[in-house]
Amino acid sequence: MNKLKTLIICHFSNSKVREHLPLDDRKLFNKIRNILGLSSKGNSYSDLASWDTNLIENLSKRDDIDLYVISAHSGLRKSVVNFEDKNVKYWFIRCDIATGMKHIISNPVVWHYLNPMRFSVRKIVDKIQPDVIALIGAENPHISGTILGLEKKYPVIVKTQTIYNNPERKKVKIFDLKNAYVEKQIFDKIHYFSVCTEMHKEMFRNFNMTAYNLKWKFGTTYTNVIKVEKEFDFVNFAMRISDNKGFYDALKALSIVKSKYPKIKLNLVGGAMSDDILKVKNLVSELNLEHNVILTPLFEKQQDMFQHIQKARFALLPCKLDYISGTISQAMHYELPVICYKTDGTITLNENEDCVLIAENGNVNDLSEKMMMYMDHPEVATVLAKAAKKYSDRNNDNEVITDEIVSVLKAIVKNFRTGTPIPEELLYDKDNL
């Protein structure tokens, strides 16, 4: 059987690959950040982009795929680390220089041109000579920008994780010109995409009206957990503590609910730079929540975080920009009753059966009312959690998801090489053929 030589380009990490990576202790890295006037990051490494891990694991089991992975990684003591594990050939590229240059070079065009990762990736790609390239996420320019130019020689598909050029992003003051510039370049030049939400599709079509838009779901590998005694009423967890993930709104809503439930407990779990931690602590003090809020740093292994959140009765996840955040999906799988903000994505969760409580986006009073609903009526929370688990099971069949992804990869290779039409059943957006 001729295997499809498939290259995934992404930015991910997990404990298994870190066993192969020579990583520094982050001390020099944080000193340099301080010299540049930037806040310090933590000195440990955590799992990142679990959907990439899931994709790699599922594709590696296929007998029709020869799998290669190029990933960015911070903290590498070498510029490039190459190894093979479980039928997958990996190249990890140090990204600290590229991301550090973002804070020194203000011009997006100049920064992209000088991004050292572009040259490293091009050299590796030409060595692999893949049949097809899949970029996961266009919004991280240090790695996503490395594909530009490759589309002339190879079929390249971009699976979006979000749309960085979302007009709402400026409203919450999370906007980087370099991220926006590189994403626009990718949208303009690449011919194959997977943008599989209506909200993001509309944004994407503002930049490219003619590219193919194909189906491609993200799957998730969940680990088994042990039920434990509850220690917290609510938990909010994310890769990073930020306003975008609703951490500050969660605290404000908590202060309202505290008037009825003085002993209410909220656990905040996530990585944070020093200024984020200071902001949270200041808000906790300002709202007199010192005895109600417990801060937990981000876990190195995602499976440990999944186990930790079992200590909470409910999941408070008021993400402001995400279509449906990964944490919402994770909480639903583990039958934690969810409260979230209204987005174009979260409203779809309740289309067939009520699964979650949804508050108006940015409305702290509405958020507190939803929290009160769970506190007053835990039986309602139980019913919703069971419905959410059924929703999760229906939408996370890894075998079905992987079959469709492989069909998409094979179809774009044929289209690129011979002009063979892509089957309609693989197209998410049929109106722009």
Protein backbone atom coordinates (compact mmCIF):
# COMPACT_ATOMS: atom_id res chain seq x y z
CA MET A 1 0.00 0.00 0.00
CA ASN A 2 1.26 3.45 -0.89
CA LYS A 3 1.19 5.52 2.28
CA LEU A 4 0.30 9.22 2.19
CA LYS A 5 3.36 11.11 3.43
CA THR A 6 1.66 13.59 5.74
CA LEU A 7 3.36 16.49 7.49
CA ILE A 8 1.69 18.30 10.39
CA ILE A 9 3.06 21.74 11.32
CA CYS A 10 1.88 23.02 14.70
CA HIS A 11 2.85 24.21 18.17
CA PHE A 12 2.12 21.59 20.81
CA SER A 13 3.64 19.81 23.79
CA ASN A 14 2.88 16.86 26.02
CA SER A 15 4.74 14.93 28.69
CA LYS A 16 5.67 12.09 26.31
CA VAL A 17 7.45 14.27 23.76
CA ARG A 18 9.10 16.33 26.51
CA GLU A 19 10.91 13.15 27.58
CA HIS A 20 12.89 13.50 24.34
CA LEU A 21 13.53 17.24 24.56
CA PRO A 22 16.52 18.97 26.23
CA LEU A 23 14.78 21.87 27.99
CA ASP A 24 16.25 24.75 30.00
CA ASP A 25 15.11 25.92 33.43
CA ARG A 26 13.65 29.20 32.02
CA LYS A 27 15.82 31.39 34.32
CA LEU A 28 17.76 33.10 31.52
CA PHE A 29 14.58 33.34 29.46
CA ASN A 30 12.79 35.25 32.23
CA LYS A 31 15.81 37.50 32.83
CA ILE A 32 15.75 38.52 29.18
CA ARG A 33 12.00 39.13 29.38
CA ASN A 34 12.56 41.39 32.39
CA ILE A 35 15.26 43.32 30.50
CA LEU A 36 12.74 43.85 27.69
CA GLY A 37 10.20 45.14 30.21
CA LEU A 38 8.00 42.04 29.94
CA SER A 39 6.51 40.13 32.85
CA SER A 40 8.00 36.80 33.88
CA LYS A 41 6.52 33.48 32.87
CA GLY A 42 6.58 30.30 34.90
CA ASN A 43 9.68 28.10 35.09
CA SER A 44 7.95 24.84 34.18
CA TYR A 45 6.47 23.28 31.05
CA SER A 46 2.88 22.17 30.52
CA ASP A 47 0.85 20.22 28.00
CA LEU A 48 -0.21 22.43 25.12
CA ALA A 49 -2.78 21.99 22.32
CA SER A 50 -4.17 18.60 23.33
CA TRP A 51 -6.09 18.42 20.02
CA ASP A 52 -2.74 18.19 18.22
CA THR A 53 -1.71 15.29 20.45
CA ASN A 54 -5.05 13.63 19.69
CA LEU A 55 -4.64 14.14 15.94
CA ILE A 56 -1.09 12.77 15.93
CA GLU A 57 -2.05 9.72 17.99
CA ASN A 58 -4.99 8.90 15.74
CA LEU A 59 -3.12 9.36 12.46
CA SER A 60 -0.15 7.34 13.73
CA LYS A 61 -2.41 4.28 14.04
CA ARG A 62 -3.36 4.36 10.37
CA ASP A 63 -1.73 1.95 7.92
CA ASP A 64 -2.24 4.40 5.02
CA ILE A 65 -0.41 7.37 6.61
CA ASP A 66 3.34 7.99 6.94
CA LEU A 67 3.37 10.73 9.57
CA TYR A 68 5.82 13.58 10.16
CA VAL A 69 5.47 16.44 12.65
CA ILE A 70 7.22 19.81 12.85
CA SER A 71 6.38 21.71 16.02
CA ALA A 72 7.55 24.86 17.73
CA HIS A 73 8.64 24.48 21.35
CA SER A 74 9.98 26.95 23.88
CA GLY A 75 13.01 26.31 26.06
CA LEU A 76 14.94 23.97 23.76
CA ARG A 77 18.67 23.90 24.44
CA LYS A 78 19.23 23.08 20.76
CA SER A 79 17.79 24.89 17.77
CA VAL A 80 16.27 21.69 16.32
CA VAL A 81 15.58 18.33 17.99
CA ASN A 82 14.72 15.32 15.82
CA PHE A 83 13.52 11.89 17.00
CA GLU A 84 11.11 9.11 16.11
CA ASP A 85 8.51 7.64 18.45
CA LYS A 86 5.62 5.24 17.74
CA ASN A 87 5.84 5.52 13.95
CA VAL A 88 6.00 9.33 14.00
CA LYS A 89 9.05 11.35 12.94
CA TYR A 90 9.29 14.57 14.97
CA TRP A 91 11.22 17.80 14.52
CA PHE A 92 10.92 20.33 17.35
CA ILE A 93 12.22 23.83 16.66
CA ARG A 94 13.19 26.37 19.30
CA CYS A 95 10.79 29.32 19.07
CA ASP A 96 12.09 31.64 21.81
CA ILE A 97 14.19 33.75 19.44
CA ALA A 98 11.30 34.25 17.00
CA THR A 99 8.80 35.14 19.73
CA GLY A 100 11.35 37.38 21.47
CA MET A 101 11.97 39.29 18.25
CA LYS A 102 8.26 40.18 18.19
CA HIS A 103 8.93 42.52 21.12
CA ILE A 104 11.95 44.15 19.46
CA ILE A 105 10.90 44.51 15.81
CA SER A 106 7.73 46.58 15.51
CA ASN A 107 7.13 46.21 11.77
CA PRO A 108 5.12 43.00 11.05
CA VAL A 109 6.55 42.62 7.53
CA VAL A 110 10.15 42.91 8.73
CA TRP A 111 9.56 40.58 11.68
CA HIS A 112 7.99 37.92 9.46
CA TYR A 113 10.82 38.17 6.93
CA LEU A 114 13.46 37.77 9.67
CA ASN A 115 11.64 34.99 11.58
CA PRO A 116 14.42 32.36 11.87
CA MET A 117 11.91 29.52 12.08
CA ARG A 118 10.93 30.05 8.43
CA PHE A 119 14.36 28.90 7.24
CA SER A 120 14.49 25.93 9.63
CA VAL A 121 11.06 24.68 8.58
CA ARG A 122 11.78 25.11 4.85
CA LYS A 123 14.96 23.03 5.17
CA ILE A 124 13.15 20.20 6.99
CA VAL A 125 10.17 20.22 4.60
CA ASP A 126 12.44 19.92 1.57
CA LYS A 127 14.15 16.97 3.26
CA ILE A 128 10.83 15.21 3.98
CA GLN A 129 9.23 15.95 0.58
CA PRO A 130 5.69 15.37 1.93
CA ASP A 131 2.64 14.56 -0.17
CA VAL A 132 0.56 16.98 1.88
CA ILE A 133 1.07 19.56 4.65
CA ALA A 134 -1.45 20.38 7.36
CA LEU A 135 -0.93 23.53 9.41
CA ILE A 136 -2.88 23.51 12.68
CA GLY A 137 -3.76 27.09 13.58
CA ALA A 138 -3.01 30.26 11.61
CA GLU A 139 -2.93 32.64 14.57
CA ASN A 140 0.53 31.85 16.00
CA PRO A 141 2.76 33.64 13.48
CA HIS A 142 6.13 32.25 14.57
CA ILE A 143 5.08 28.79 13.33
CA SER A 144 2.12 29.49 11.03
CA GLY A 145 4.09 31.96 8.92
CA THR A 146 6.59 29.23 8.05
CA ILE A 147 4.18 27.67 5.52
CA LEU A 148 4.01 30.74 3.30
CA GLY A 149 5.62 29.88 -0.02
CA LEU A 150 5.29 26.12 0.50
CA GLU A 151 1.85 26.19 -1.14
CA LYS A 152 3.57 26.64 -4.53
CA LYS A 153 5.20 23.22 -4.28
CA TYR A 154 2.98 21.21 -1.93
CA PRO A 155 -0.76 21.00 -1.20
CA VAL A 156 -1.17 22.83 2.10
CA ILE A 157 -4.34 22.81 4.20
CA VAL A 158 -4.82 25.12 7.17
CA LYS A 159 -7.03 23.90 10.00
CA THR A 160 -7.98 27.02 11.93
CA GLN A 161 -8.20 27.00 15.71
CA THR A 162 -9.71 30.47 15.80
CA ILE A 163 -9.72 33.63 13.69
CA TYR A 164 -7.20 36.10 15.09
CA ASN A 165 -8.60 38.95 12.96
CA ASN A 166 -11.86 38.76 14.89
CA PRO A 167 -13.23 42.33 15.33
CA GLU A 168 -14.21 41.42 18.89
CA ARG A 169 -10.57 40.83 19.81
CA LYS A 170 -9.77 44.54 19.73
CA LYS A 171 -12.65 45.22 22.12
CA VAL A 172 -11.03 43.07 24.81
CA LYS A 173 -7.60 44.58 24.00
CA ILE A 174 -5.96 41.33 22.89
CA PHE A 175 -4.50 42.24 19.53
CA ASP A 176 -1.02 41.86 18.05
CA LEU A 177 -0.30 43.37 14.64
CA LYS A 178 2.16 40.61 13.73
CA ASN A 179 -0.33 37.84 14.47
CA ALA A 180 -2.94 39.67 12.42
CA TYR A 181 -0.60 40.35 9.50
CA VAL A 182 0.63 36.78 9.14
CA GLU A 183 -2.86 35.32 9.44
CA LYS A 184 -4.07 37.64 6.66
CA GLN A 185 -1.17 36.54 4.46
CA ILE A 186 -2.10 32.90 5.03
CA PHE A 187 -5.76 33.56 4.28
CA ASP A 188 -4.79 35.32 1.07
CA LYS A 189 -2.32 32.77 -0.32
CA ILE A 190 -3.39 29.26 0.76
CA HIS A 191 -5.98 27.39 -1.32
CA TYR A 192 -7.27 24.78 1.16
CA PHE A 193 -8.74 25.50 4.59
CA SER A 194 -10.93 24.01 7.24
CA VAL A 195 -12.92 26.73 9.00
CA CYS A 196 -15.78 24.76 10.50
CA THR A 197 -17.95 27.16 12.45
CA GLU A 198 -20.42 29.56 10.91
CA MET A 199 -19.03 32.51 12.88
CA HIS A 200 -15.44 31.90 11.82
CA LYS A 201 -16.44 30.98 8.27
CA GLU A 202 -18.06 34.39 7.76
CA MET A 203 -14.93 36.13 9.07
CA PHE A 204 -12.68 33.97 6.88
CA ARG A 205 -14.69 34.67 3.74
CA ASN A 206 -14.02 38.39 4.23
CA PHE A 207 -10.39 37.57 3.38
CA ASN A 208 -10.74 34.76 0.85
CA MET A 209 -13.85 34.06 -1.21
CA THR A 210 -12.43 31.33 -3.47
CA ALA A 211 -10.44 28.86 -1.34
CA TYR A 212 -11.81 25.40 -0.60
CA ASN A 213 -13.25 25.09 2.92
CA LEU A 214 -13.31 21.46 4.03
CA LYS A 215 -14.68 19.53 6.98
CA TRP A 216 -12.30 18.70 9.83
CA LYS A 217 -13.32 18.25 13.45
CA PHE A 218 -11.01 18.46 16.42
CA GLY A 219 -11.12 15.37 18.60
CA THR A 220 -9.94 15.00 22.18
CA THR A 221 -8.30 12.17 24.06
CA TYR A 222 -9.76 12.03 27.56
CA THR A 223 -8.12 10.21 30.44
CA ASN A 224 -9.91 8.26 33.15
CA VAL A 225 -10.50 10.06 36.42
CA ILE A 226 -11.46 9.05 39.94
CA LYS A 227 -14.45 10.68 41.59
CA VAL A 228 -13.36 12.55 44.71
CA GLU A 229 -14.91 14.58 47.49
CA LYS A 230 -15.86 18.08 46.38
CA GLU A 231 -13.71 20.92 47.71
CA PHE A 232 -14.92 23.81 45.54
CA ASP A 233 -18.28 24.99 44.31
CA PHE A 234 -16.93 26.31 41.00
CA VAL A 235 -13.80 25.94 38.92
CA ASN A 236 -12.55 28.07 36.03
CA PHE A 237 -9.59 26.53 34.21
CA ALA A 238 -7.59 27.47 31.13
CA MET A 239 -4.07 27.44 29.74
CA ARG A 240 -3.67 31.03 30.87
CA ILE A 241 -5.50 33.24 33.33
CA SER A 242 -6.87 36.13 31.27
CA ASP A 243 -9.86 38.39 30.74
CA ASN A 244 -10.61 36.62 27.47
CA LYS A 245 -11.18 33.38 29.39
CA GLY A 246 -13.53 35.13 31.81
CA PHE A 247 -11.45 34.90 34.98
CA TYR A 248 -12.10 38.47 36.08
CA ASP A 249 -15.82 38.29 35.31
CA ALA A 250 -15.95 35.06 37.32
CA LEU A 251 -14.54 36.88 40.33
CA LYS A 252 -17.00 39.76 39.97
CA ALA A 253 -19.93 37.35 39.68
CA LEU A 254 -18.63 35.43 42.69
CA SER A 255 -18.72 38.58 44.80
CA ILE A 256 -22.43 38.92 44.04
CA VAL A 257 -23.26 35.28 44.82
CA LYS A 258 -21.25 35.54 48.04
CA SER A 259 -23.97 37.75 49.54
CA LYS A 260 -26.24 34.67 49.67
CA TYR A 261 -23.56 32.00 50.02
CA PRO A 262 -20.77 33.52 52.17
CA LYS A 263 -18.68 30.32 52.16
CA ILE A 264 -18.81 29.77 48.39
CA LYS A 265 -15.51 28.58 46.88
CA LEU A 266 -14.09 29.29 43.41
CA ASN A 267 -10.94 27.56 42.17
CA LEU A 268 -8.99 29.37 39.44
CA VAL A 269 -6.64 27.05 37.52
CA GLY A 270 -4.24 28.30 34.87
CA GLY A 271 -0.84 29.51 33.88
CA ALA A 272 -0.11 33.18 34.34
CA MET A 273 2.57 35.77 33.91
CA SER A 274 3.48 37.77 36.98
CA ASP A 275 1.28 40.76 36.08
CA ASP A 276 -1.75 38.50 35.55
CA ILE A 277 -1.32 36.98 39.00
CA LEU A 278 -0.98 40.43 40.54
CA LYS A 279 -4.16 41.61 38.80
CA VAL A 280 -6.12 38.60 40.08
CA LYS A 281 -4.84 39.03 43.63
CA ASN A 282 -5.68 42.73 43.59
CA LEU A 283 -9.22 42.03 42.38
CA VAL A 284 -9.68 39.29 44.98
CA SER A 285 -8.62 41.74 47.69
CA GLU A 286 -10.77 44.55 46.29
CA LEU A 287 -13.85 42.30 46.31
CA ASN A 288 -13.06 40.80 49.74
CA LEU A 289 -12.83 37.29 48.34
CA GLU A 290 -9.66 36.17 50.13
CA HIS A 291 -11.51 33.28 51.82
CA ASN A 292 -13.48 32.33 48.71
CA VAL A 293 -10.87 32.01 45.97
CA ILE A 294 -8.19 29.34 45.60
CA LEU A 295 -5.48 29.79 42.95
CA THR A 296 -3.95 26.67 41.40
CA PRO A 297 -1.07 26.88 38.89
CA LEU A 298 -1.31 25.12 35.54
CA PHE A 299 -0.57 21.42 35.71
CA GLU A 300 2.35 20.02 33.74
CA LYS A 301 0.22 17.11 32.52
CA GLN A 302 -3.30 17.64 31.24
CA GLN A 303 -4.44 14.37 32.79
CA ASP A 304 -3.58 15.81 36.22
CA MET A 305 -5.74 18.84 35.50
CA PHE A 306 -8.63 16.58 34.44
CA GLN A 307 -8.32 14.79 37.77
CA HIS A 308 -8.07 18.05 39.72
CA ILE A 309 -11.27 19.57 38.34
CA GLN A 310 -13.19 16.65 39.79
CA LYS A 311 -12.89 18.52 43.09
CA ALA A 312 -15.41 21.10 41.84
CA ARG A 313 -19.19 20.81 41.75
CA PHE A 314 -19.64 23.09 38.75
CA ALA A 315 -17.58 24.57 35.89
CA LEU A 316 -17.71 28.36 35.50
CA LEU A 317 -16.26 29.04 32.03
CA PRO A 318 -17.33 32.48 30.74
CA CYS A 319 -14.98 32.61 27.72
CA LYS A 320 -15.63 35.73 25.66
CA LEU A 321 -14.15 35.04 22.20
CA ASP A 322 -14.02 31.29 21.67
CA TYR A 323 -16.66 29.63 19.53
CA ILE A 324 -16.79 26.73 21.99
CA SER A 325 -13.70 26.63 24.18
CA GLY A 326 -11.89 23.36 24.72
CA THR A 327 -12.45 23.69 28.46
CA ILE A 328 -16.23 23.73 27.95
CA SER A 329 -16.01 20.51 25.94
CA GLN A 330 -13.79 18.95 28.60
CA ALA A 331 -16.12 19.89 31.45
CA MET A 332 -19.07 18.49 29.51
CA HIS A 333 -17.25 15.19 29.00
CA TYR A 334 -16.52 14.87 32.71
CA GLU A 335 -20.13 15.72 33.63
CA LEU A 336 -19.31 18.99 35.34
CA PRO A 337 -22.36 21.25 34.99
CA VAL A 338 -21.26 24.18 32.82
CA ILE A 339 -22.01 27.90 32.93
CA CYS A 340 -20.65 29.86 29.97
CA TYR A 341 -21.09 33.08 28.03
CA LYS A 342 -23.21 33.35 24.89
CA THR A 343 -21.20 33.07 21.69
CA ASP A 344 -22.15 31.89 18.22
CA GLY A 345 -20.84 28.49 19.27
CA THR A 346 -22.18 27.98 22.78
CA ILE A 347 -25.77 28.58 21.72
CA THR A 348 -25.50 25.50 19.46
CA LEU A 349 -24.90 23.32 22.52
CA ASN A 350 -28.55 23.67 23.52
CA GLU A 351 -30.09 23.27 20.05
CA ASN A 352 -31.43 19.74 20.54
CA GLU A 353 -31.40 19.46 24.32
CA ASP A 354 -30.42 21.83 27.12
CA CYS A 355 -26.84 20.99 28.11
CA VAL A 356 -25.40 24.16 29.68
CA LEU A 357 -26.49 27.44 31.27
CA ILE A 358 -25.63 30.42 29.07
CA ALA A 359 -25.26 34.02 30.31
CA GLU A 360 -25.16 37.10 28.11
CA ASN A 361 -21.57 37.78 27.09
CA GLY A 362 -19.96 40.23 29.49
CA ASN A 363 -23.04 40.48 31.74
CA VAL A 364 -21.71 39.77 35.22
CA ASN A 365 -25.14 40.03 36.83
CA ASP A 366 -26.54 37.41 34.46
CA LEU A 367 -23.51 35.25 35.15
CA SER A 368 -24.12 35.46 38.89
CA GLU A 369 -27.77 34.52 38.39
CA LYS A 370 -26.73 31.36 36.54
CA MET A 371 -24.33 30.53 39.37
CA MET A 372 -27.16 31.02 41.85
CA MET A 373 -29.34 28.67 39.79
CA TYR A 374 -26.86 25.82 40.27
CA MET A 375 -26.35 26.63 43.95
CA ASP A 376 -30.10 26.80 44.62
CA HIS A 377 -31.09 23.87 42.41
CA PRO A 378 -28.29 21.28 42.13
CA GLU A 379 -30.78 18.84 40.63
CA VAL A 380 -31.02 21.10 37.57
CA ALA A 381 -27.24 21.01 37.27
CA THR A 382 -27.27 17.20 37.36
CA VAL A 383 -29.81 16.95 34.54
CA LEU A 384 -27.84 19.36 32.35
CA ALA A 385 -24.56 17.57 33.06
CA LYS A 386 -25.97 14.23 31.91
CA ALA A 387 -27.31 15.80 28.71
CA ALA A 388 -23.92 17.44 28.14
CA LYS A 389 -22.14 14.10 28.50
CA LYS A 390 -24.39 12.58 25.83
CA TYR A 391 -23.62 15.54 23.55
CA SER A 392 -19.90 15.03 24.14
CA ASP A 393 -20.04 11.31 23.36
CA ARG A 394 -21.94 11.91 20.12
CA ASN A 395 -19.44 14.47 18.87
CA ASN A 396 -16.13 12.90 19.88
CA ASP A 397 -15.88 9.63 17.94
CA ASN A 398 -12.16 9.65 17.12
CA GLU A 399 -12.39 6.90 14.51
CA VAL A 400 -15.08 8.72 12.53
CA ILE A 401 -13.25 12.05 12.88
CA THR A 402 -9.94 10.56 11.70
CA ASP A 403 -11.53 8.79 8.71
CA GLU A 404 -12.91 12.12 7.52
CA ILE A 405 -9.58 13.92 8.00
CA VAL A 406 -7.72 11.30 5.97
CA SER A 407 -10.35 11.55 3.21
CA VAL A 408 -9.83 15.32 3.17
CA LEU A 409 -6.03 14.98 2.95
CA LYS A 410 -6.26 12.50 0.07
CA ALA A 411 -8.81 14.66 -1.76
CA ILE A 412 -6.70 17.82 -1.70
CA VAL A 413 -3.65 15.91 -2.92
CA LYS A 414 -5.64 14.69 -5.95
CA ASN A 415 -7.06 18.16 -6.52
CA PHE A 416 -3.61 19.77 -6.29
CA ARG A 417 -1.93 17.28 -8.61
CA THR A 418 -4.57 16.50 -11.21
CA GLY A 419 -7.42 18.95 -10.65
CA THR A 420 -9.74 16.15 -9.50
CA PRO A 421 -12.82 17.81 -7.95
CA ILE A 422 -13.10 17.53 -4.18
CA PRO A 423 -16.17 15.43 -3.23
CA GLU A 424 -19.02 17.63 -2.04
CA GLU A 425 -19.50 15.56 1.11
CA LEU A 426 -16.06 16.75 2.28
CA LEU A 427 -16.84 20.43 1.82
CA TYR A 428 -18.00 22.47 4.80
CA ASP A 429 -18.77 25.51 2.67
CA LYS A 430 -20.23 24.56 -0.74
CA ASP A 431 -21.30 28.06 -1.76
CA ASN A 432 -17.82 29.22 -2.75
CA LEU A 433 -16.79 26.52 -5.25
